[in-house]
Amino acid sequence: MVELPVLDAYVTLAETATYLVGDDRAAEFQALADQQMTSYLNRATQAIDSWNYRGKKYDPGITAGVLDQKRAFPRIIDGVTLDYNSTSGLAIVPQDVKSACIEEALEIYRVGIGGRKRLQDEGVQSFTVAGKLSETFVVGAGSQCLLSSVARKLLRKYRGARMR
């Protein structure tokens, strides 16, 4: 029996569906089975968590040898909890992080269809097809942690960079 992936991401499938309503880029992605979408969202969450962020985790404690908060968000930056739900009294994952997760999942799916990312990861800097089409990659572009430029922009403020 094949085990189905467990959703372990910053967003739920319902939040993903709501976010992508009317997004023409996402028609094929939205048609995926739940287990496939779960896999992409989990991979996006892992990619987001692989970055270093300012501040510290909201709950950096350890209970019985296990981190209380295994994800990078929610966080405390400059003494401020981002984001905080005053009704529940709990820290929550910021909407920008949730949006970045969905954008990154969409890009992981899209790139999987293409192949440019694989070429970049293998060190290819340019290629030509039948002398009529050529493409040149930015050096180091394949080694970025996040594939989605939208996700990188959404998370920039948590890394210490400023938006221009």
N, C-alpha and C. Protein backbone atom coordinates (compact mmCIF):
# COMPACT_ATOMS: atom_id res chain seq x y z
N MET A 1 0.83 -1.18 0.00
CA MET A 1 0.00 0.00 0.00
C MET A 1 0.88 1.26 0.00
N VAL A 2 0.57 2.20 -0.86
CA VAL A 2 1.30 3.44 -0.96
C VAL A 2 0.78 4.42 0.08
N GLU A 3 1.71 5.02 0.82
CA GLU A 3 1.30 6.01 1.81
C GLU A 3 1.12 7.35 1.13
N LEU A 4 0.01 8.00 1.42
CA LEU A 4 -0.26 9.31 0.87
C LEU A 4 0.49 10.36 1.69
N PRO A 5 0.96 11.42 1.05
CA PRO A 5 1.67 12.45 1.80
C PRO A 5 0.73 13.17 2.76
N VAL A 6 1.26 13.54 3.91
CA VAL A 6 0.51 14.29 4.91
C VAL A 6 0.82 15.76 4.70
N LEU A 7 -0.22 16.59 4.69
CA LEU A 7 0.00 18.01 4.51
C LEU A 7 0.74 18.56 5.71
N ASP A 8 1.94 19.06 5.46
CA ASP A 8 2.81 19.64 6.49
C ASP A 8 3.36 20.94 5.93
N ALA A 9 2.45 21.85 5.63
CA ALA A 9 2.82 23.09 4.94
C ALA A 9 2.26 24.30 5.67
N TYR A 10 2.67 25.46 5.21
CA TYR A 10 2.19 26.70 5.80
C TYR A 10 0.73 27.00 5.46
N VAL A 11 0.19 26.33 4.46
CA VAL A 11 -1.18 26.59 4.03
C VAL A 11 -1.96 25.29 3.90
N THR A 12 -3.27 25.41 3.96
CA THR A 12 -4.14 24.26 3.74
C THR A 12 -4.50 24.19 2.26
N LEU A 13 -5.08 23.08 1.86
CA LEU A 13 -5.54 22.95 0.48
C LEU A 13 -6.65 23.97 0.19
N ALA A 14 -7.51 24.23 1.18
CA ALA A 14 -8.59 25.20 1.01
C ALA A 14 -8.03 26.62 0.83
N GLU A 15 -7.03 26.99 1.61
CA GLU A 15 -6.40 28.30 1.46
C GLU A 15 -5.75 28.43 0.09
N THR A 16 -5.15 27.35 -0.37
CA THR A 16 -4.51 27.35 -1.69
C THR A 16 -5.54 27.57 -2.78
N ALA A 17 -6.65 26.85 -2.69
CA ALA A 17 -7.71 26.99 -3.69
C ALA A 17 -8.26 28.41 -3.72
N THR A 18 -8.47 28.99 -2.55
CA THR A 18 -8.98 30.37 -2.47
C THR A 18 -7.98 31.35 -3.07
N TYR A 19 -6.71 31.20 -2.75
CA TYR A 19 -5.67 32.10 -3.25
C TYR A 19 -5.59 32.06 -4.77
N LEU A 20 -5.78 30.89 -5.36
CA LEU A 20 -5.58 30.71 -6.79
C LEU A 20 -6.83 30.96 -7.64
N VAL A 21 -7.95 31.32 -7.01
CA VAL A 21 -9.17 31.58 -7.77
C VAL A 21 -8.90 32.67 -8.81
N GLY A 22 -9.21 32.36 -10.05
CA GLY A 22 -9.06 33.33 -11.13
C GLY A 22 -7.64 33.52 -11.64
N ASP A 23 -6.69 32.75 -11.15
CA ASP A 23 -5.29 32.87 -11.57
C ASP A 23 -5.06 31.97 -12.78
N ASP A 24 -4.93 32.57 -13.95
CA ASP A 24 -4.78 31.79 -15.18
C ASP A 24 -3.52 30.93 -15.20
N ARG A 25 -2.49 31.34 -14.45
CA ARG A 25 -1.24 30.56 -14.41
C ARG A 25 -1.45 29.21 -13.75
N ALA A 26 -2.50 29.08 -12.97
CA ALA A 26 -2.63 27.94 -12.07
C ALA A 26 -3.68 26.91 -12.46
N ALA A 27 -4.22 26.98 -13.65
CA ALA A 27 -5.31 26.07 -14.04
C ALA A 27 -4.91 24.60 -13.91
N GLU A 28 -3.77 24.23 -14.47
CA GLU A 28 -3.33 22.83 -14.39
C GLU A 28 -2.98 22.44 -12.96
N PHE A 29 -2.36 23.37 -12.25
CA PHE A 29 -1.98 23.12 -10.86
C PHE A 29 -3.21 22.86 -10.00
N GLN A 30 -4.27 23.63 -10.21
CA GLN A 30 -5.49 23.47 -9.44
C GLN A 30 -6.19 22.15 -9.74
N ALA A 31 -5.93 21.59 -10.91
CA ALA A 31 -6.55 20.33 -11.30
C ALA A 31 -5.85 19.10 -10.71
N LEU A 32 -4.73 19.30 -10.03
CA LEU A 32 -4.00 18.17 -9.44
C LEU A 32 -4.82 17.50 -8.35
N ALA A 33 -4.57 16.23 -8.16
CA ALA A 33 -5.19 15.51 -7.04
C ALA A 33 -4.65 16.07 -5.73
N ASP A 34 -5.42 15.94 -4.67
CA ASP A 34 -5.02 16.48 -3.37
C ASP A 34 -3.64 16.00 -2.93
N GLN A 35 -3.32 14.72 -3.15
CA GLN A 35 -2.03 14.21 -2.71
C GLN A 35 -0.87 14.82 -3.50
N GLN A 36 -1.11 15.13 -4.78
CA GLN A 36 -0.08 15.78 -5.58
C GLN A 36 0.13 17.22 -5.12
N MET A 37 -0.98 17.94 -4.92
CA MET A 37 -0.87 19.31 -4.44
C MET A 37 -0.22 19.35 -3.07
N THR A 38 -0.56 18.40 -2.21
CA THR A 38 0.06 18.30 -0.88
C THR A 38 1.57 18.18 -1.01
N SER A 39 2.03 17.35 -1.91
CA SER A 39 3.46 17.16 -2.11
C SER A 39 4.14 18.46 -2.53
N TYR A 40 3.54 19.20 -3.44
CA TYR A 40 4.12 20.48 -3.89
C TYR A 40 4.13 21.51 -2.76
N LEU A 41 3.06 21.58 -1.98
CA LEU A 41 3.00 22.54 -0.88
C LEU A 41 4.02 22.18 0.20
N ASN A 42 4.20 20.89 0.46
CA ASN A 42 5.22 20.47 1.44
C ASN A 42 6.62 20.84 0.97
N ARG A 43 6.89 20.62 -0.32
CA ARG A 43 8.21 20.97 -0.87
C ARG A 43 8.44 22.47 -0.80
N ALA A 44 7.41 23.25 -1.08
CA ALA A 44 7.53 24.71 -1.01
C ALA A 44 7.82 25.15 0.42
N THR A 45 7.15 24.55 1.38
CA THR A 45 7.38 24.87 2.79
C THR A 45 8.81 24.54 3.19
N GLN A 46 9.30 23.40 2.75
CA GLN A 46 10.69 23.02 3.05
C GLN A 46 11.67 24.03 2.45
N ALA A 47 11.39 24.49 1.23
CA ALA A 47 12.27 25.47 0.58
C ALA A 47 12.25 26.78 1.36
N ILE A 48 11.08 27.22 1.79
CA ILE A 48 10.97 28.46 2.57
C ILE A 48 11.75 28.32 3.88
N ASP A 49 11.61 27.18 4.52
CA ASP A 49 12.29 26.96 5.81
C ASP A 49 13.80 26.80 5.66
N SER A 50 14.29 26.60 4.44
CA SER A 50 15.74 26.42 4.24
C SER A 50 16.48 27.76 4.27
N TRP A 51 15.77 28.86 4.19
CA TRP A 51 16.38 30.19 4.25
C TRP A 51 16.63 30.60 5.69
N ASN A 52 17.56 31.54 5.86
CA ASN A 52 17.80 32.14 7.17
C ASN A 52 16.97 33.42 7.25
N TYR A 53 16.34 33.63 8.39
CA TYR A 53 15.49 34.80 8.59
C TYR A 53 15.94 35.59 9.81
N ARG A 54 15.58 36.85 9.85
CA ARG A 54 15.87 37.69 11.00
C ARG A 54 15.07 37.21 12.20
N GLY A 55 15.53 37.59 13.37
CA GLY A 55 14.80 37.29 14.59
C GLY A 55 14.92 35.84 15.00
N LYS A 56 13.89 35.37 15.70
CA LYS A 56 13.90 33.99 16.19
C LYS A 56 12.50 33.40 16.08
N LYS A 57 12.44 32.09 16.15
CA LYS A 57 11.15 31.42 16.12
C LYS A 57 10.31 31.88 17.30
N TYR A 58 9.01 31.91 17.11
CA TYR A 58 8.10 32.32 18.17
C TYR A 58 8.23 31.41 19.39
N ASP A 59 8.35 30.11 19.15
CA ASP A 59 8.47 29.15 20.24
C ASP A 59 9.73 28.30 20.01
N PRO A 60 10.89 28.81 20.45
CA PRO A 60 12.14 28.10 20.20
C PRO A 60 12.42 26.96 21.18
N GLY A 61 11.45 26.62 22.00
CA GLY A 61 11.65 25.60 23.03
C GLY A 61 11.76 24.18 22.50
N ILE A 62 12.21 23.30 23.39
CA ILE A 62 12.34 21.88 23.07
C ILE A 62 11.62 21.09 24.17
N THR A 63 10.76 20.18 23.77
CA THR A 63 10.06 19.32 24.71
C THR A 63 10.37 17.88 24.36
N ALA A 64 10.90 17.15 25.32
CA ALA A 64 11.26 15.74 25.12
C ALA A 64 12.18 15.56 23.91
N GLY A 65 13.11 16.51 23.71
CA GLY A 65 14.07 16.39 22.63
C GLY A 65 13.56 16.78 21.26
N VAL A 66 12.32 17.29 21.19
CA VAL A 66 11.72 17.67 19.91
C VAL A 66 11.43 19.17 19.93
N LEU A 67 11.77 19.85 18.83
CA LEU A 67 11.47 21.28 18.73
C LEU A 67 9.98 21.52 18.85
N ASP A 68 9.60 22.48 19.67
CA ASP A 68 8.19 22.82 19.81
C ASP A 68 7.64 23.44 18.52
N GLN A 69 8.45 24.21 17.85
CA GLN A 69 8.05 24.83 16.59
C GLN A 69 9.07 24.41 15.54
N LYS A 70 8.67 23.51 14.66
CA LYS A 70 9.62 22.99 13.68
C LYS A 70 9.76 23.89 12.45
N ARG A 71 8.81 24.74 12.20
CA ARG A 71 8.84 25.64 11.04
C ARG A 71 9.51 26.97 11.40
N ALA A 72 9.95 27.70 10.39
CA ALA A 72 10.60 28.99 10.60
C ALA A 72 9.63 30.09 11.05
N PHE A 73 8.36 29.92 10.73
CA PHE A 73 7.33 30.90 11.10
C PHE A 73 6.27 30.23 11.94
N PRO A 74 5.65 31.00 12.87
CA PRO A 74 5.77 32.43 13.13
C PRO A 74 7.09 32.79 13.80
N ARG A 75 7.43 34.10 13.75
CA ARG A 75 8.71 34.60 14.25
C ARG A 75 8.52 35.84 15.12
N ILE A 76 9.56 36.09 15.88
CA ILE A 76 9.68 37.34 16.62
C ILE A 76 10.87 38.08 16.03
N ILE A 77 10.61 39.28 15.47
CA ILE A 77 11.65 40.08 14.85
C ILE A 77 11.67 41.44 15.53
N ASP A 78 12.84 41.82 16.00
CA ASP A 78 13.01 43.10 16.71
C ASP A 78 12.03 43.21 17.88
N GLY A 79 11.80 42.10 18.56
CA GLY A 79 10.93 42.09 19.74
C GLY A 79 9.44 42.09 19.44
N VAL A 80 9.07 42.02 18.15
CA VAL A 80 7.66 42.05 17.75
C VAL A 80 7.27 40.70 17.18
N THR A 81 6.16 40.15 17.68
CA THR A 81 5.65 38.88 17.16
C THR A 81 4.91 39.15 15.86
N LEU A 82 5.34 38.46 14.81
CA LEU A 82 4.71 38.58 13.49
C LEU A 82 3.98 37.30 13.17
N ASP A 83 2.84 37.26 12.93
CA ASP A 83 1.69 38.05 13.24
C ASP A 83 1.07 37.50 14.51
N TYR A 84 0.27 38.27 15.17
CA TYR A 84 -0.31 37.88 16.44
C TYR A 84 -1.81 38.05 16.37
N ASN A 85 -2.54 37.00 16.69
CA ASN A 85 -3.99 37.04 16.71
C ASN A 85 -4.43 37.39 18.12
N SER A 86 -4.90 38.61 18.33
CA SER A 86 -5.25 39.06 19.67
C SER A 86 -6.49 38.34 20.21
N THR A 87 -7.34 37.82 19.34
CA THR A 87 -8.52 37.09 19.78
C THR A 87 -8.15 35.75 20.39
N SER A 88 -7.28 35.00 19.70
CA SER A 88 -6.89 33.67 20.19
C SER A 88 -5.69 33.74 21.14
N GLY A 89 -4.96 34.86 21.08
CA GLY A 89 -3.77 34.99 21.91
C GLY A 89 -2.60 34.15 21.40
N LEU A 90 -2.63 33.83 20.10
CA LEU A 90 -1.59 32.99 19.52
C LEU A 90 -0.88 33.70 18.37
N ALA A 91 0.38 33.36 18.20
CA ALA A 91 1.11 33.83 17.03
C ALA A 91 0.65 33.01 15.84
N ILE A 92 0.54 33.64 14.69
CA ILE A 92 0.11 32.94 13.49
C ILE A 92 1.11 33.19 12.36
N VAL A 93 1.04 32.37 11.35
CA VAL A 93 1.91 32.52 10.18
C VAL A 93 1.42 33.72 9.37
N PRO A 94 2.31 34.67 9.07
CA PRO A 94 1.90 35.84 8.28
C PRO A 94 1.36 35.46 6.91
N GLN A 95 0.41 36.25 6.42
CA GLN A 95 -0.19 35.99 5.11
C GLN A 95 0.85 36.00 4.00
N ASP A 96 1.87 36.85 4.10
CA ASP A 96 2.92 36.87 3.08
C ASP A 96 3.63 35.53 2.98
N VAL A 97 3.81 34.87 4.11
CA VAL A 97 4.48 33.56 4.12
C VAL A 97 3.56 32.52 3.47
N LYS A 98 2.28 32.59 3.79
CA LYS A 98 1.32 31.66 3.17
C LYS A 98 1.27 31.86 1.66
N SER A 99 1.23 33.12 1.24
CA SER A 99 1.20 33.42 -0.19
C SER A 99 2.49 32.94 -0.86
N ALA A 100 3.62 33.16 -0.21
CA ALA A 100 4.90 32.71 -0.75
C ALA A 100 4.93 31.20 -0.91
N CYS A 101 4.34 30.49 0.03
CA CYS A 101 4.29 29.02 -0.03
C CYS A 101 3.52 28.57 -1.28
N ILE A 102 2.39 29.19 -1.53
CA ILE A 102 1.58 28.83 -2.69
C ILE A 102 2.31 29.20 -3.98
N GLU A 103 2.90 30.38 -4.02
CA GLU A 103 3.64 30.81 -5.21
C GLU A 103 4.82 29.87 -5.49
N GLU A 104 5.51 29.46 -4.43
CA GLU A 104 6.65 28.56 -4.61
C GLU A 104 6.18 27.18 -5.07
N ALA A 105 5.09 26.68 -4.53
CA ALA A 105 4.55 25.39 -4.95
C ALA A 105 4.16 25.43 -6.43
N LEU A 106 3.54 26.51 -6.83
CA LEU A 106 3.15 26.68 -8.23
C LEU A 106 4.38 26.70 -9.13
N GLU A 107 5.43 27.37 -8.69
CA GLU A 107 6.66 27.45 -9.49
C GLU A 107 7.39 26.10 -9.52
N ILE A 108 7.40 25.38 -8.42
CA ILE A 108 8.01 24.03 -8.41
C ILE A 108 7.30 23.15 -9.42
N TYR A 109 5.98 23.24 -9.45
CA TYR A 109 5.19 22.47 -10.42
C TYR A 109 5.52 22.91 -11.85
N ARG A 110 5.52 24.22 -12.08
CA ARG A 110 5.76 24.75 -13.42
C ARG A 110 7.14 24.39 -13.94
N VAL A 111 8.14 24.51 -13.09
CA VAL A 111 9.52 24.20 -13.49
C VAL A 111 9.69 22.72 -13.76
N GLY A 112 8.98 21.90 -13.01
CA GLY A 112 9.04 20.46 -13.24
C GLY A 112 8.60 20.08 -14.63
N ILE A 113 7.69 20.87 -15.19
CA ILE A 113 7.21 20.63 -16.54
C ILE A 113 8.27 21.02 -17.55
N GLY A 114 9.00 22.11 -17.28
CA GLY A 114 9.98 22.63 -18.22
C GLY A 114 11.29 21.89 -18.16
N GLY A 115 12.24 22.39 -17.47
CA GLY A 115 13.55 21.77 -17.42
C GLY A 115 14.67 22.77 -17.27
N ARG A 116 14.35 24.06 -17.32
CA ARG A 116 15.39 25.07 -17.18
C ARG A 116 16.11 24.96 -15.85
N LYS A 117 15.35 24.73 -14.79
CA LYS A 117 15.96 24.64 -13.46
C LYS A 117 16.99 23.52 -13.43
N ARG A 118 16.65 22.37 -14.00
CA ARG A 118 17.59 21.24 -14.02
C ARG A 118 18.85 21.61 -14.80
N LEU A 119 18.68 22.26 -15.94
CA LEU A 119 19.84 22.69 -16.73
C LEU A 119 20.72 23.64 -15.93
N GLN A 120 20.11 24.61 -15.25
CA GLN A 120 20.86 25.56 -14.44
C GLN A 120 21.59 24.85 -13.31
N ASP A 121 20.91 23.91 -12.66
CA ASP A 121 21.53 23.16 -11.56
C ASP A 121 22.73 22.35 -12.04
N GLU A 122 22.69 21.92 -13.31
CA GLU A 122 23.78 21.14 -13.87
C GLU A 122 24.90 22.03 -14.43
N GLY A 123 24.75 23.35 -14.31
CA GLY A 123 25.82 24.27 -14.70
C GLY A 123 25.73 24.79 -16.13
N VAL A 124 24.66 24.48 -16.84
CA VAL A 124 24.51 24.97 -18.20
C VAL A 124 24.30 26.49 -18.14
N GLN A 125 25.08 27.24 -18.94
CA GLN A 125 24.96 28.69 -18.93
C GLN A 125 24.18 29.22 -20.13
N SER A 126 24.18 28.45 -21.22
CA SER A 126 23.39 28.84 -22.39
C SER A 126 23.20 27.63 -23.29
N PHE A 127 22.19 27.72 -24.16
CA PHE A 127 21.98 26.65 -25.13
C PHE A 127 21.31 27.23 -26.36
N THR A 128 21.45 26.51 -27.48
CA THR A 128 20.86 26.92 -28.75
C THR A 128 20.13 25.72 -29.34
N VAL A 129 18.96 25.98 -29.90
CA VAL A 129 18.17 24.92 -30.53
C VAL A 129 18.08 25.22 -32.02
N ALA A 130 18.66 24.33 -32.81
CA ALA A 130 18.62 24.41 -34.28
C ALA A 130 19.05 25.77 -34.82
N GLY A 131 19.91 26.45 -34.12
CA GLY A 131 20.43 27.73 -34.60
C GLY A 131 19.42 28.86 -34.63
N LYS A 132 18.18 28.60 -34.21
CA LYS A 132 17.13 29.61 -34.29
C LYS A 132 16.71 30.16 -32.93
N LEU A 133 16.92 29.39 -31.91
CA LEU A 133 16.50 29.81 -30.57
C LEU A 133 17.68 29.62 -29.63
N SER A 134 17.98 30.64 -28.87
CA SER A 134 19.04 30.48 -27.88
C SER A 134 18.59 31.11 -26.57
N GLU A 135 19.17 30.61 -25.49
CA GLU A 135 18.85 31.14 -24.18
C GLU A 135 20.12 31.14 -23.35
N THR A 136 20.30 32.22 -22.60
CA THR A 136 21.45 32.35 -21.71
C THR A 136 20.93 32.57 -20.30
N PHE A 137 21.48 31.82 -19.36
CA PHE A 137 21.05 31.92 -17.97
C PHE A 137 21.95 32.86 -17.19
N VAL A 138 21.39 33.51 -16.20
CA VAL A 138 22.16 34.32 -15.27
C VAL A 138 22.99 33.37 -14.42
N VAL A 139 24.29 33.63 -14.30
CA VAL A 139 25.16 32.76 -13.52
C VAL A 139 24.65 32.69 -12.07
N GLY A 140 24.49 31.47 -11.58
CA GLY A 140 24.05 31.26 -10.20
C GLY A 140 22.55 31.25 -10.02
N ALA A 141 21.79 31.51 -11.08
CA ALA A 141 20.33 31.57 -10.93
C ALA A 141 19.74 30.23 -10.53
N GLY A 142 20.35 29.15 -10.95
CA GLY A 142 19.82 27.83 -10.61
C GLY A 142 20.07 27.43 -9.17
N SER A 143 20.91 28.17 -8.47
CA SER A 143 21.25 27.77 -7.10
C SER A 143 20.45 28.52 -6.04
N GLN A 144 19.49 29.34 -6.45
CA GLN A 144 18.68 30.06 -5.48
C GLN A 144 17.77 29.08 -4.75
N CYS A 145 17.56 29.33 -3.47
CA CYS A 145 16.73 28.44 -2.66
C CYS A 145 15.29 28.38 -3.14
N LEU A 146 14.74 29.52 -3.48
CA LEU A 146 13.35 29.57 -3.93
C LEU A 146 13.30 29.82 -5.43
N LEU A 147 12.47 29.08 -6.10
CA LEU A 147 12.33 29.21 -7.55
C LEU A 147 11.49 30.42 -7.92
N SER A 148 10.51 30.73 -7.11
CA SER A 148 9.55 31.78 -7.43
C SER A 148 10.08 33.16 -7.05
N SER A 149 10.14 34.05 -8.04
CA SER A 149 10.57 35.42 -7.75
C SER A 149 9.51 36.12 -6.89
N VAL A 150 8.26 35.77 -7.07
CA VAL A 150 7.19 36.35 -6.24
C VAL A 150 7.38 35.94 -4.78
N ALA A 151 7.67 34.65 -4.54
CA ALA A 151 7.91 34.18 -3.17
C ALA A 151 9.11 34.87 -2.55
N ARG A 152 10.18 35.03 -3.33
CA ARG A 152 11.37 35.72 -2.81
C ARG A 152 11.05 37.15 -2.40
N LYS A 153 10.25 37.84 -3.21
CA LYS A 153 9.88 39.22 -2.89
C LYS A 153 9.00 39.27 -1.63
N LEU A 154 8.07 38.34 -1.52
CA LEU A 154 7.18 38.32 -0.36
C LEU A 154 7.95 38.07 0.94
N LEU A 155 9.02 37.30 0.86
CA LEU A 155 9.78 36.94 2.07
C LEU A 155 10.95 37.87 2.35
N ARG A 156 11.24 38.75 1.43
CA ARG A 156 12.41 39.62 1.55
C ARG A 156 12.42 40.39 2.87
N LYS A 157 11.29 40.89 3.30
CA LYS A 157 11.27 41.71 4.52
C LYS A 157 11.63 40.92 5.77
N TYR A 158 11.48 39.61 5.73
CA TYR A 158 11.83 38.77 6.88
C TYR A 158 13.32 38.41 6.88
N ARG A 159 14.00 38.70 5.78
CA ARG A 159 15.42 38.39 5.67
C ARG A 159 16.29 39.60 5.94
N GLY A 160 15.69 40.77 6.04
CA GLY A 160 16.46 41.97 6.33
C GLY A 160 16.64 42.89 5.15
N ALA A 161 16.21 42.45 3.96
CA ALA A 161 16.34 43.30 2.78
C ALA A 161 15.14 44.23 2.70
N ARG A 162 15.32 45.34 2.05
CA ARG A 162 14.25 46.29 1.90
C ARG A 162 13.71 46.25 0.48
N MET A 163 12.42 46.50 0.35
CA MET A 163 11.81 46.58 -0.97
C MET A 163 12.13 47.94 -1.57
N ARG A 164 12.40 47.97 -2.86
CA ARG A 164 12.67 49.24 -3.54
C ARG A 164 11.53 49.61 -4.42
